[in-house]
Amino acid sequence: MSIFKQVPSDGQKGKVSYNSGIVTGIVNLAVSEVEGVELLAGKKKGLKLYFEKDGIYADISVKVDYGYNVPDVAFKIQETVKHNVEAMTKYKVAKVDVFVVGVDFLGDHAAEQI
């Protein structure tokens, strides 16, 4: 289990520590907010986070529901993940890579219009 610390830059004393599970939960929540997409689960983990000096790097593997525009969904995931992580933790997100590994043709959330 990793713990990542952030020291306030405004001269305040003390520090805030984030467990990597907290950031993982924020990213999971961000992906779940995007319509028409499902994060991979099970043996093939759909989320990998790397904490580097210049920021957090995220590899996100998803399945997109049939009828959704794949580039639009991927871009929305990138925007949502970056915004949520930076707003909730004060970490910088350096890069979000989205890997679309499949299309869900029978999903309950498939778009009504093609």
N, C-alpha and C. Protein backbone atom coordinates (compact mmCIF):
# COMPACT_ATOMS: atom_id res chain seq x y z
N MET A 1 0.84 -1.16 0.00
CA MET A 1 0.00 0.00 0.00
C MET A 1 0.89 1.23 0.00
N SER A 2 0.62 2.12 -0.90
CA SER A 2 1.41 3.34 -1.02
C SER A 2 0.67 4.51 -0.39
N ILE A 3 1.44 5.38 0.19
CA ILE A 3 0.88 6.62 0.72
C ILE A 3 1.65 7.77 0.09
N PHE A 4 0.93 8.71 -0.47
CA PHE A 4 1.53 9.83 -1.15
C PHE A 4 1.24 11.09 -0.36
N LYS A 5 2.28 11.88 -0.12
CA LYS A 5 2.16 13.06 0.71
C LYS A 5 2.25 14.32 -0.13
N GLN A 6 1.52 15.31 0.29
CA GLN A 6 1.58 16.61 -0.37
C GLN A 6 1.78 17.67 0.69
N VAL A 7 2.80 18.48 0.53
CA VAL A 7 3.09 19.55 1.47
C VAL A 7 2.51 20.84 0.89
N PRO A 8 1.69 21.55 1.66
CA PRO A 8 1.10 22.80 1.15
C PRO A 8 2.18 23.79 0.75
N SER A 9 1.97 24.47 -0.37
CA SER A 9 2.96 25.43 -0.87
C SER A 9 2.74 26.84 -0.32
N ASP A 10 1.67 27.05 0.41
CA ASP A 10 1.37 28.39 0.89
C ASP A 10 1.98 28.69 2.27
N GLY A 11 2.94 27.89 2.71
CA GLY A 11 3.64 28.16 3.94
C GLY A 11 3.00 27.55 5.18
N GLN A 12 1.86 26.89 5.03
CA GLN A 12 1.23 26.27 6.18
C GLN A 12 2.03 25.05 6.61
N LYS A 13 1.97 24.76 7.89
CA LYS A 13 2.66 23.59 8.39
C LYS A 13 1.72 22.39 8.34
N GLY A 14 2.32 21.23 8.23
CA GLY A 14 1.53 20.01 8.15
C GLY A 14 1.49 19.52 6.72
N LYS A 15 0.95 18.34 6.55
CA LYS A 15 0.86 17.76 5.22
C LYS A 15 -0.38 16.89 5.11
N VAL A 16 -0.81 16.68 3.91
CA VAL A 16 -1.96 15.84 3.62
C VAL A 16 -1.45 14.58 2.96
N SER A 17 -1.86 13.42 3.45
CA SER A 17 -1.43 12.15 2.87
C SER A 17 -2.61 11.48 2.18
N TYR A 18 -2.35 10.97 0.99
CA TYR A 18 -3.37 10.26 0.22
C TYR A 18 -2.91 8.83 -0.01
N ASN A 19 -3.71 7.88 0.32
CA ASN A 19 -3.45 6.50 -0.01
C ASN A 19 -3.77 6.32 -1.49
N SER A 20 -3.04 5.46 -2.18
CA SER A 20 -3.29 5.28 -3.61
C SER A 20 -4.71 4.79 -3.86
N GLY A 21 -5.31 4.12 -2.90
CA GLY A 21 -6.69 3.67 -3.04
C GLY A 21 -7.67 4.82 -3.14
N ILE A 22 -7.36 5.94 -2.51
CA ILE A 22 -8.22 7.12 -2.58
C ILE A 22 -8.26 7.64 -4.02
N VAL A 23 -7.08 7.77 -4.62
CA VAL A 23 -7.01 8.27 -6.00
C VAL A 23 -7.67 7.28 -6.95
N THR A 24 -7.48 5.99 -6.72
CA THR A 24 -8.12 4.96 -7.54
C THR A 24 -9.64 5.09 -7.46
N GLY A 25 -10.15 5.31 -6.27
CA GLY A 25 -11.59 5.49 -6.09
C GLY A 25 -12.11 6.72 -6.81
N ILE A 26 -11.35 7.80 -6.79
CA ILE A 26 -11.76 9.02 -7.49
C ILE A 26 -11.81 8.78 -9.00
N VAL A 27 -10.81 8.06 -9.52
CA VAL A 27 -10.79 7.77 -10.95
C VAL A 27 -11.95 6.84 -11.32
N ASN A 28 -12.22 5.83 -10.51
CA ASN A 28 -13.37 4.95 -10.76
C ASN A 28 -14.67 5.74 -10.80
N LEU A 29 -14.83 6.64 -9.86
CA LEU A 29 -16.02 7.48 -9.81
C LEU A 29 -16.12 8.36 -11.06
N ALA A 30 -15.00 8.93 -11.48
CA ALA A 30 -15.00 9.79 -12.66
C ALA A 30 -15.42 9.01 -13.91
N VAL A 31 -14.90 7.80 -14.07
CA VAL A 31 -15.26 6.99 -15.23
C VAL A 31 -16.74 6.61 -15.18
N SER A 32 -17.26 6.32 -14.00
CA SER A 32 -18.66 5.94 -13.88
C SER A 32 -19.61 7.10 -14.20
N GLU A 33 -19.11 8.33 -14.14
CA GLU A 33 -19.93 9.50 -14.47
C GLU A 33 -20.12 9.67 -15.97
N VAL A 34 -19.28 9.03 -16.77
CA VAL A 34 -19.35 9.17 -18.23
C VAL A 34 -20.37 8.18 -18.77
N GLU A 35 -21.29 8.69 -19.55
CA GLU A 35 -22.36 7.86 -20.10
C GLU A 35 -21.85 7.02 -21.27
N GLY A 36 -22.29 5.75 -21.31
CA GLY A 36 -21.98 4.88 -22.43
C GLY A 36 -20.67 4.15 -22.32
N VAL A 37 -20.13 4.03 -21.12
CA VAL A 37 -18.83 3.40 -20.94
C VAL A 37 -18.83 2.56 -19.67
N GLU A 38 -18.03 1.49 -19.70
CA GLU A 38 -17.89 0.63 -18.53
C GLU A 38 -16.42 0.29 -18.33
N LEU A 39 -15.92 0.50 -17.13
CA LEU A 39 -14.54 0.18 -16.79
C LEU A 39 -14.39 -1.34 -16.73
N LEU A 40 -13.31 -1.85 -17.30
CA LEU A 40 -13.08 -3.29 -17.24
C LEU A 40 -12.88 -3.72 -15.80
N ALA A 41 -13.35 -4.92 -15.49
CA ALA A 41 -13.21 -5.46 -14.14
C ALA A 41 -12.68 -6.89 -14.24
N GLY A 42 -12.43 -7.47 -13.11
CA GLY A 42 -11.98 -8.85 -13.07
C GLY A 42 -10.49 -8.99 -13.22
N LYS A 43 -10.06 -10.07 -13.90
CA LYS A 43 -8.64 -10.35 -14.05
C LYS A 43 -7.92 -9.27 -14.84
N LYS A 44 -8.57 -8.75 -15.85
CA LYS A 44 -7.97 -7.68 -16.65
C LYS A 44 -8.37 -6.36 -16.03
N LYS A 45 -7.54 -5.87 -15.15
CA LYS A 45 -7.85 -4.61 -14.48
C LYS A 45 -7.98 -3.49 -15.49
N GLY A 46 -8.99 -2.67 -15.32
CA GLY A 46 -9.23 -1.58 -16.24
C GLY A 46 -8.56 -0.29 -15.86
N LEU A 47 -7.82 -0.29 -14.76
CA LEU A 47 -7.23 0.95 -14.28
C LEU A 47 -5.84 0.71 -13.71
N LYS A 48 -4.90 1.48 -14.22
CA LYS A 48 -3.53 1.46 -13.69
C LYS A 48 -3.10 2.90 -13.49
N LEU A 49 -2.60 3.20 -12.30
CA LEU A 49 -2.14 4.54 -11.98
C LEU A 49 -0.66 4.51 -11.68
N TYR A 50 0.05 5.51 -12.17
CA TYR A 50 1.48 5.66 -11.91
C TYR A 50 1.70 7.05 -11.32
N PHE A 51 2.32 7.10 -10.16
CA PHE A 51 2.58 8.36 -9.49
C PHE A 51 4.03 8.76 -9.75
N GLU A 52 4.21 9.81 -10.52
CA GLU A 52 5.54 10.29 -10.89
C GLU A 52 5.72 11.71 -10.35
N LYS A 53 6.93 12.24 -10.47
CA LYS A 53 7.20 13.59 -9.97
C LYS A 53 6.40 14.65 -10.70
N ASP A 54 6.18 14.45 -12.00
CA ASP A 54 5.47 15.47 -12.78
C ASP A 54 3.96 15.27 -12.79
N GLY A 55 3.44 14.28 -12.08
CA GLY A 55 2.01 14.09 -11.99
C GLY A 55 1.61 12.63 -12.05
N ILE A 56 0.32 12.43 -12.11
CA ILE A 56 -0.23 11.08 -12.16
C ILE A 56 -0.47 10.69 -13.62
N TYR A 57 -0.06 9.49 -13.95
CA TYR A 57 -0.32 8.91 -15.27
C TYR A 57 -1.36 7.82 -15.08
N ALA A 58 -2.40 7.84 -15.90
CA ALA A 58 -3.47 6.86 -15.77
C ALA A 58 -3.66 6.11 -17.08
N ASP A 59 -3.74 4.79 -16.99
CA ASP A 59 -4.11 3.93 -18.11
C ASP A 59 -5.47 3.35 -17.77
N ILE A 60 -6.47 3.67 -18.59
CA ILE A 60 -7.84 3.26 -18.32
C ILE A 60 -8.35 2.42 -19.49
N SER A 61 -8.77 1.20 -19.20
CA SER A 61 -9.31 0.30 -20.22
C SER A 61 -10.82 0.18 -20.02
N VAL A 62 -11.57 0.42 -21.11
CA VAL A 62 -13.02 0.45 -21.02
C VAL A 62 -13.67 -0.29 -22.18
N LYS A 63 -14.95 -0.60 -21.98
CA LYS A 63 -15.81 -1.06 -23.06
C LYS A 63 -16.83 0.05 -23.29
N VAL A 64 -17.10 0.35 -24.56
CA VAL A 64 -18.05 1.40 -24.91
C VAL A 64 -19.34 0.75 -25.38
N ASP A 65 -20.47 1.30 -24.95
CA ASP A 65 -21.76 0.79 -25.39
C ASP A 65 -21.97 1.11 -26.86
N TYR A 66 -22.60 0.19 -27.55
CA TYR A 66 -22.88 0.35 -28.97
C TYR A 66 -23.69 1.61 -29.21
N GLY A 67 -23.29 2.37 -30.22
CA GLY A 67 -24.02 3.57 -30.61
C GLY A 67 -23.40 4.86 -30.10
N TYR A 68 -22.43 4.77 -29.22
CA TYR A 68 -21.76 5.97 -28.72
C TYR A 68 -20.53 6.26 -29.57
N ASN A 69 -20.22 7.52 -29.73
CA ASN A 69 -19.05 7.95 -30.49
C ASN A 69 -17.80 7.71 -29.64
N VAL A 70 -16.95 6.79 -30.10
CA VAL A 70 -15.79 6.37 -29.30
C VAL A 70 -14.84 7.52 -28.98
N PRO A 71 -14.43 8.34 -29.97
CA PRO A 71 -13.52 9.45 -29.62
C PRO A 71 -14.13 10.44 -28.62
N ASP A 72 -15.42 10.70 -28.74
CA ASP A 72 -16.07 11.62 -27.80
C ASP A 72 -16.10 11.05 -26.39
N VAL A 73 -16.40 9.75 -26.28
CA VAL A 73 -16.44 9.10 -24.97
C VAL A 73 -15.05 9.09 -24.34
N ALA A 74 -14.03 8.77 -25.14
CA ALA A 74 -12.66 8.73 -24.61
C ALA A 74 -12.22 10.12 -24.14
N PHE A 75 -12.54 11.14 -24.91
CA PHE A 75 -12.17 12.51 -24.52
C PHE A 75 -12.90 12.91 -23.24
N LYS A 76 -14.16 12.54 -23.11
CA LYS A 76 -14.94 12.87 -21.91
C LYS A 76 -14.34 12.18 -20.69
N ILE A 77 -13.86 10.94 -20.86
CA ILE A 77 -13.20 10.24 -19.75
C ILE A 77 -11.95 11.01 -19.33
N GLN A 78 -11.14 11.42 -20.30
CA GLN A 78 -9.92 12.17 -19.99
C GLN A 78 -10.24 13.45 -19.23
N GLU A 79 -11.21 14.20 -19.71
CA GLU A 79 -11.58 15.46 -19.06
C GLU A 79 -12.07 15.23 -17.63
N THR A 80 -12.96 14.24 -17.46
CA THR A 80 -13.57 13.99 -16.16
C THR A 80 -12.54 13.50 -15.15
N VAL A 81 -11.66 12.59 -15.57
CA VAL A 81 -10.64 12.08 -14.67
C VAL A 81 -9.71 13.21 -14.24
N LYS A 82 -9.22 13.99 -15.19
CA LYS A 82 -8.31 15.10 -14.87
C LYS A 82 -8.97 16.08 -13.91
N HIS A 83 -10.19 16.48 -14.21
CA HIS A 83 -10.89 17.45 -13.37
C HIS A 83 -11.11 16.91 -11.96
N ASN A 84 -11.63 15.70 -11.84
CA ASN A 84 -11.96 15.16 -10.52
C ASN A 84 -10.72 14.94 -9.65
N VAL A 85 -9.67 14.36 -10.22
CA VAL A 85 -8.47 14.11 -9.43
C VAL A 85 -7.84 15.43 -8.98
N GLU A 86 -7.72 16.38 -9.89
CA GLU A 86 -7.09 17.65 -9.53
C GLU A 86 -7.94 18.46 -8.56
N ALA A 87 -9.26 18.36 -8.66
CA ALA A 87 -10.14 19.11 -7.76
C ALA A 87 -10.18 18.50 -6.36
N MET A 88 -10.09 17.17 -6.28
CA MET A 88 -10.25 16.51 -4.99
C MET A 88 -8.95 16.26 -4.25
N THR A 89 -7.81 16.24 -4.94
CA THR A 89 -6.56 15.88 -4.28
C THR A 89 -5.46 16.92 -4.41
N LYS A 90 -5.57 17.86 -5.29
CA LYS A 90 -4.54 18.86 -5.58
C LYS A 90 -3.33 18.26 -6.28
N TYR A 91 -3.41 16.98 -6.68
CA TYR A 91 -2.38 16.39 -7.53
C TYR A 91 -2.59 16.87 -8.95
N LYS A 92 -1.55 16.88 -9.74
CA LYS A 92 -1.65 17.18 -11.16
C LYS A 92 -1.76 15.88 -11.93
N VAL A 93 -2.58 15.86 -12.94
CA VAL A 93 -2.69 14.69 -13.81
C VAL A 93 -1.87 14.99 -15.05
N ALA A 94 -0.81 14.22 -15.25
CA ALA A 94 0.09 14.45 -16.37
C ALA A 94 -0.47 13.86 -17.67
N LYS A 95 -1.11 12.69 -17.57
CA LYS A 95 -1.56 12.03 -18.79
C LYS A 95 -2.63 11.01 -18.45
N VAL A 96 -3.67 10.95 -19.30
CA VAL A 96 -4.71 9.94 -19.18
C VAL A 96 -4.82 9.24 -20.52
N ASP A 97 -4.44 7.97 -20.56
CA ASP A 97 -4.57 7.16 -21.77
C ASP A 97 -5.81 6.29 -21.63
N VAL A 98 -6.69 6.34 -22.63
CA VAL A 98 -7.91 5.54 -22.63
C VAL A 98 -7.78 4.47 -23.70
N PHE A 99 -7.95 3.23 -23.29
CA PHE A 99 -7.89 2.09 -24.21
C PHE A 99 -9.28 1.50 -24.32
N VAL A 100 -9.86 1.60 -25.52
CA VAL A 100 -11.17 1.01 -25.76
C VAL A 100 -10.92 -0.41 -26.24
N VAL A 101 -11.26 -1.38 -25.41
CA VAL A 101 -10.94 -2.78 -25.71
C VAL A 101 -12.12 -3.55 -26.26
N GLY A 102 -13.27 -2.89 -26.34
CA GLY A 102 -14.42 -3.59 -26.88
C GLY A 102 -15.64 -2.69 -26.93
N VAL A 103 -16.65 -3.25 -27.62
CA VAL A 103 -17.94 -2.57 -27.73
C VAL A 103 -18.99 -3.51 -27.16
N ASP A 104 -19.83 -2.99 -26.31
CA ASP A 104 -20.89 -3.78 -25.69
C ASP A 104 -22.16 -3.63 -26.51
N PHE A 105 -22.50 -4.68 -27.28
CA PHE A 105 -23.66 -4.63 -28.17
C PHE A 105 -24.95 -4.95 -27.44
N LEU A 106 -24.89 -5.66 -26.32
CA LEU A 106 -26.09 -6.09 -25.64
C LEU A 106 -26.30 -5.39 -24.31
N GLY A 107 -25.52 -4.40 -24.02
CA GLY A 107 -25.59 -3.73 -22.73
C GLY A 107 -26.91 -3.01 -22.50
N ASP A 108 -27.24 -2.87 -21.24
CA ASP A 108 -28.47 -2.16 -20.85
C ASP A 108 -28.39 -0.68 -21.20
N HIS A 109 -27.16 -0.16 -21.34
CA HIS A 109 -26.98 1.27 -21.55
C HIS A 109 -26.72 1.63 -23.00
N ALA A 110 -26.90 0.70 -23.94
CA ALA A 110 -26.62 0.98 -25.35
C ALA A 110 -27.46 2.17 -25.81
N ALA A 111 -26.87 3.00 -26.62
CA ALA A 111 -27.53 4.21 -27.09
C ALA A 111 -28.79 3.84 -27.88
N GLU A 112 -29.84 4.61 -27.70
CA GLU A 112 -31.09 4.33 -28.39
C GLU A 112 -31.03 4.72 -29.85
N GLN A 113 -30.24 5.75 -30.15
CA GLN A 113 -30.11 6.18 -31.53
C GLN A 113 -28.71 5.90 -32.01
N ILE A 114 -28.61 5.46 -33.22
CA ILE A 114 -27.31 5.14 -33.79
C ILE A 114 -26.82 6.27 -34.66
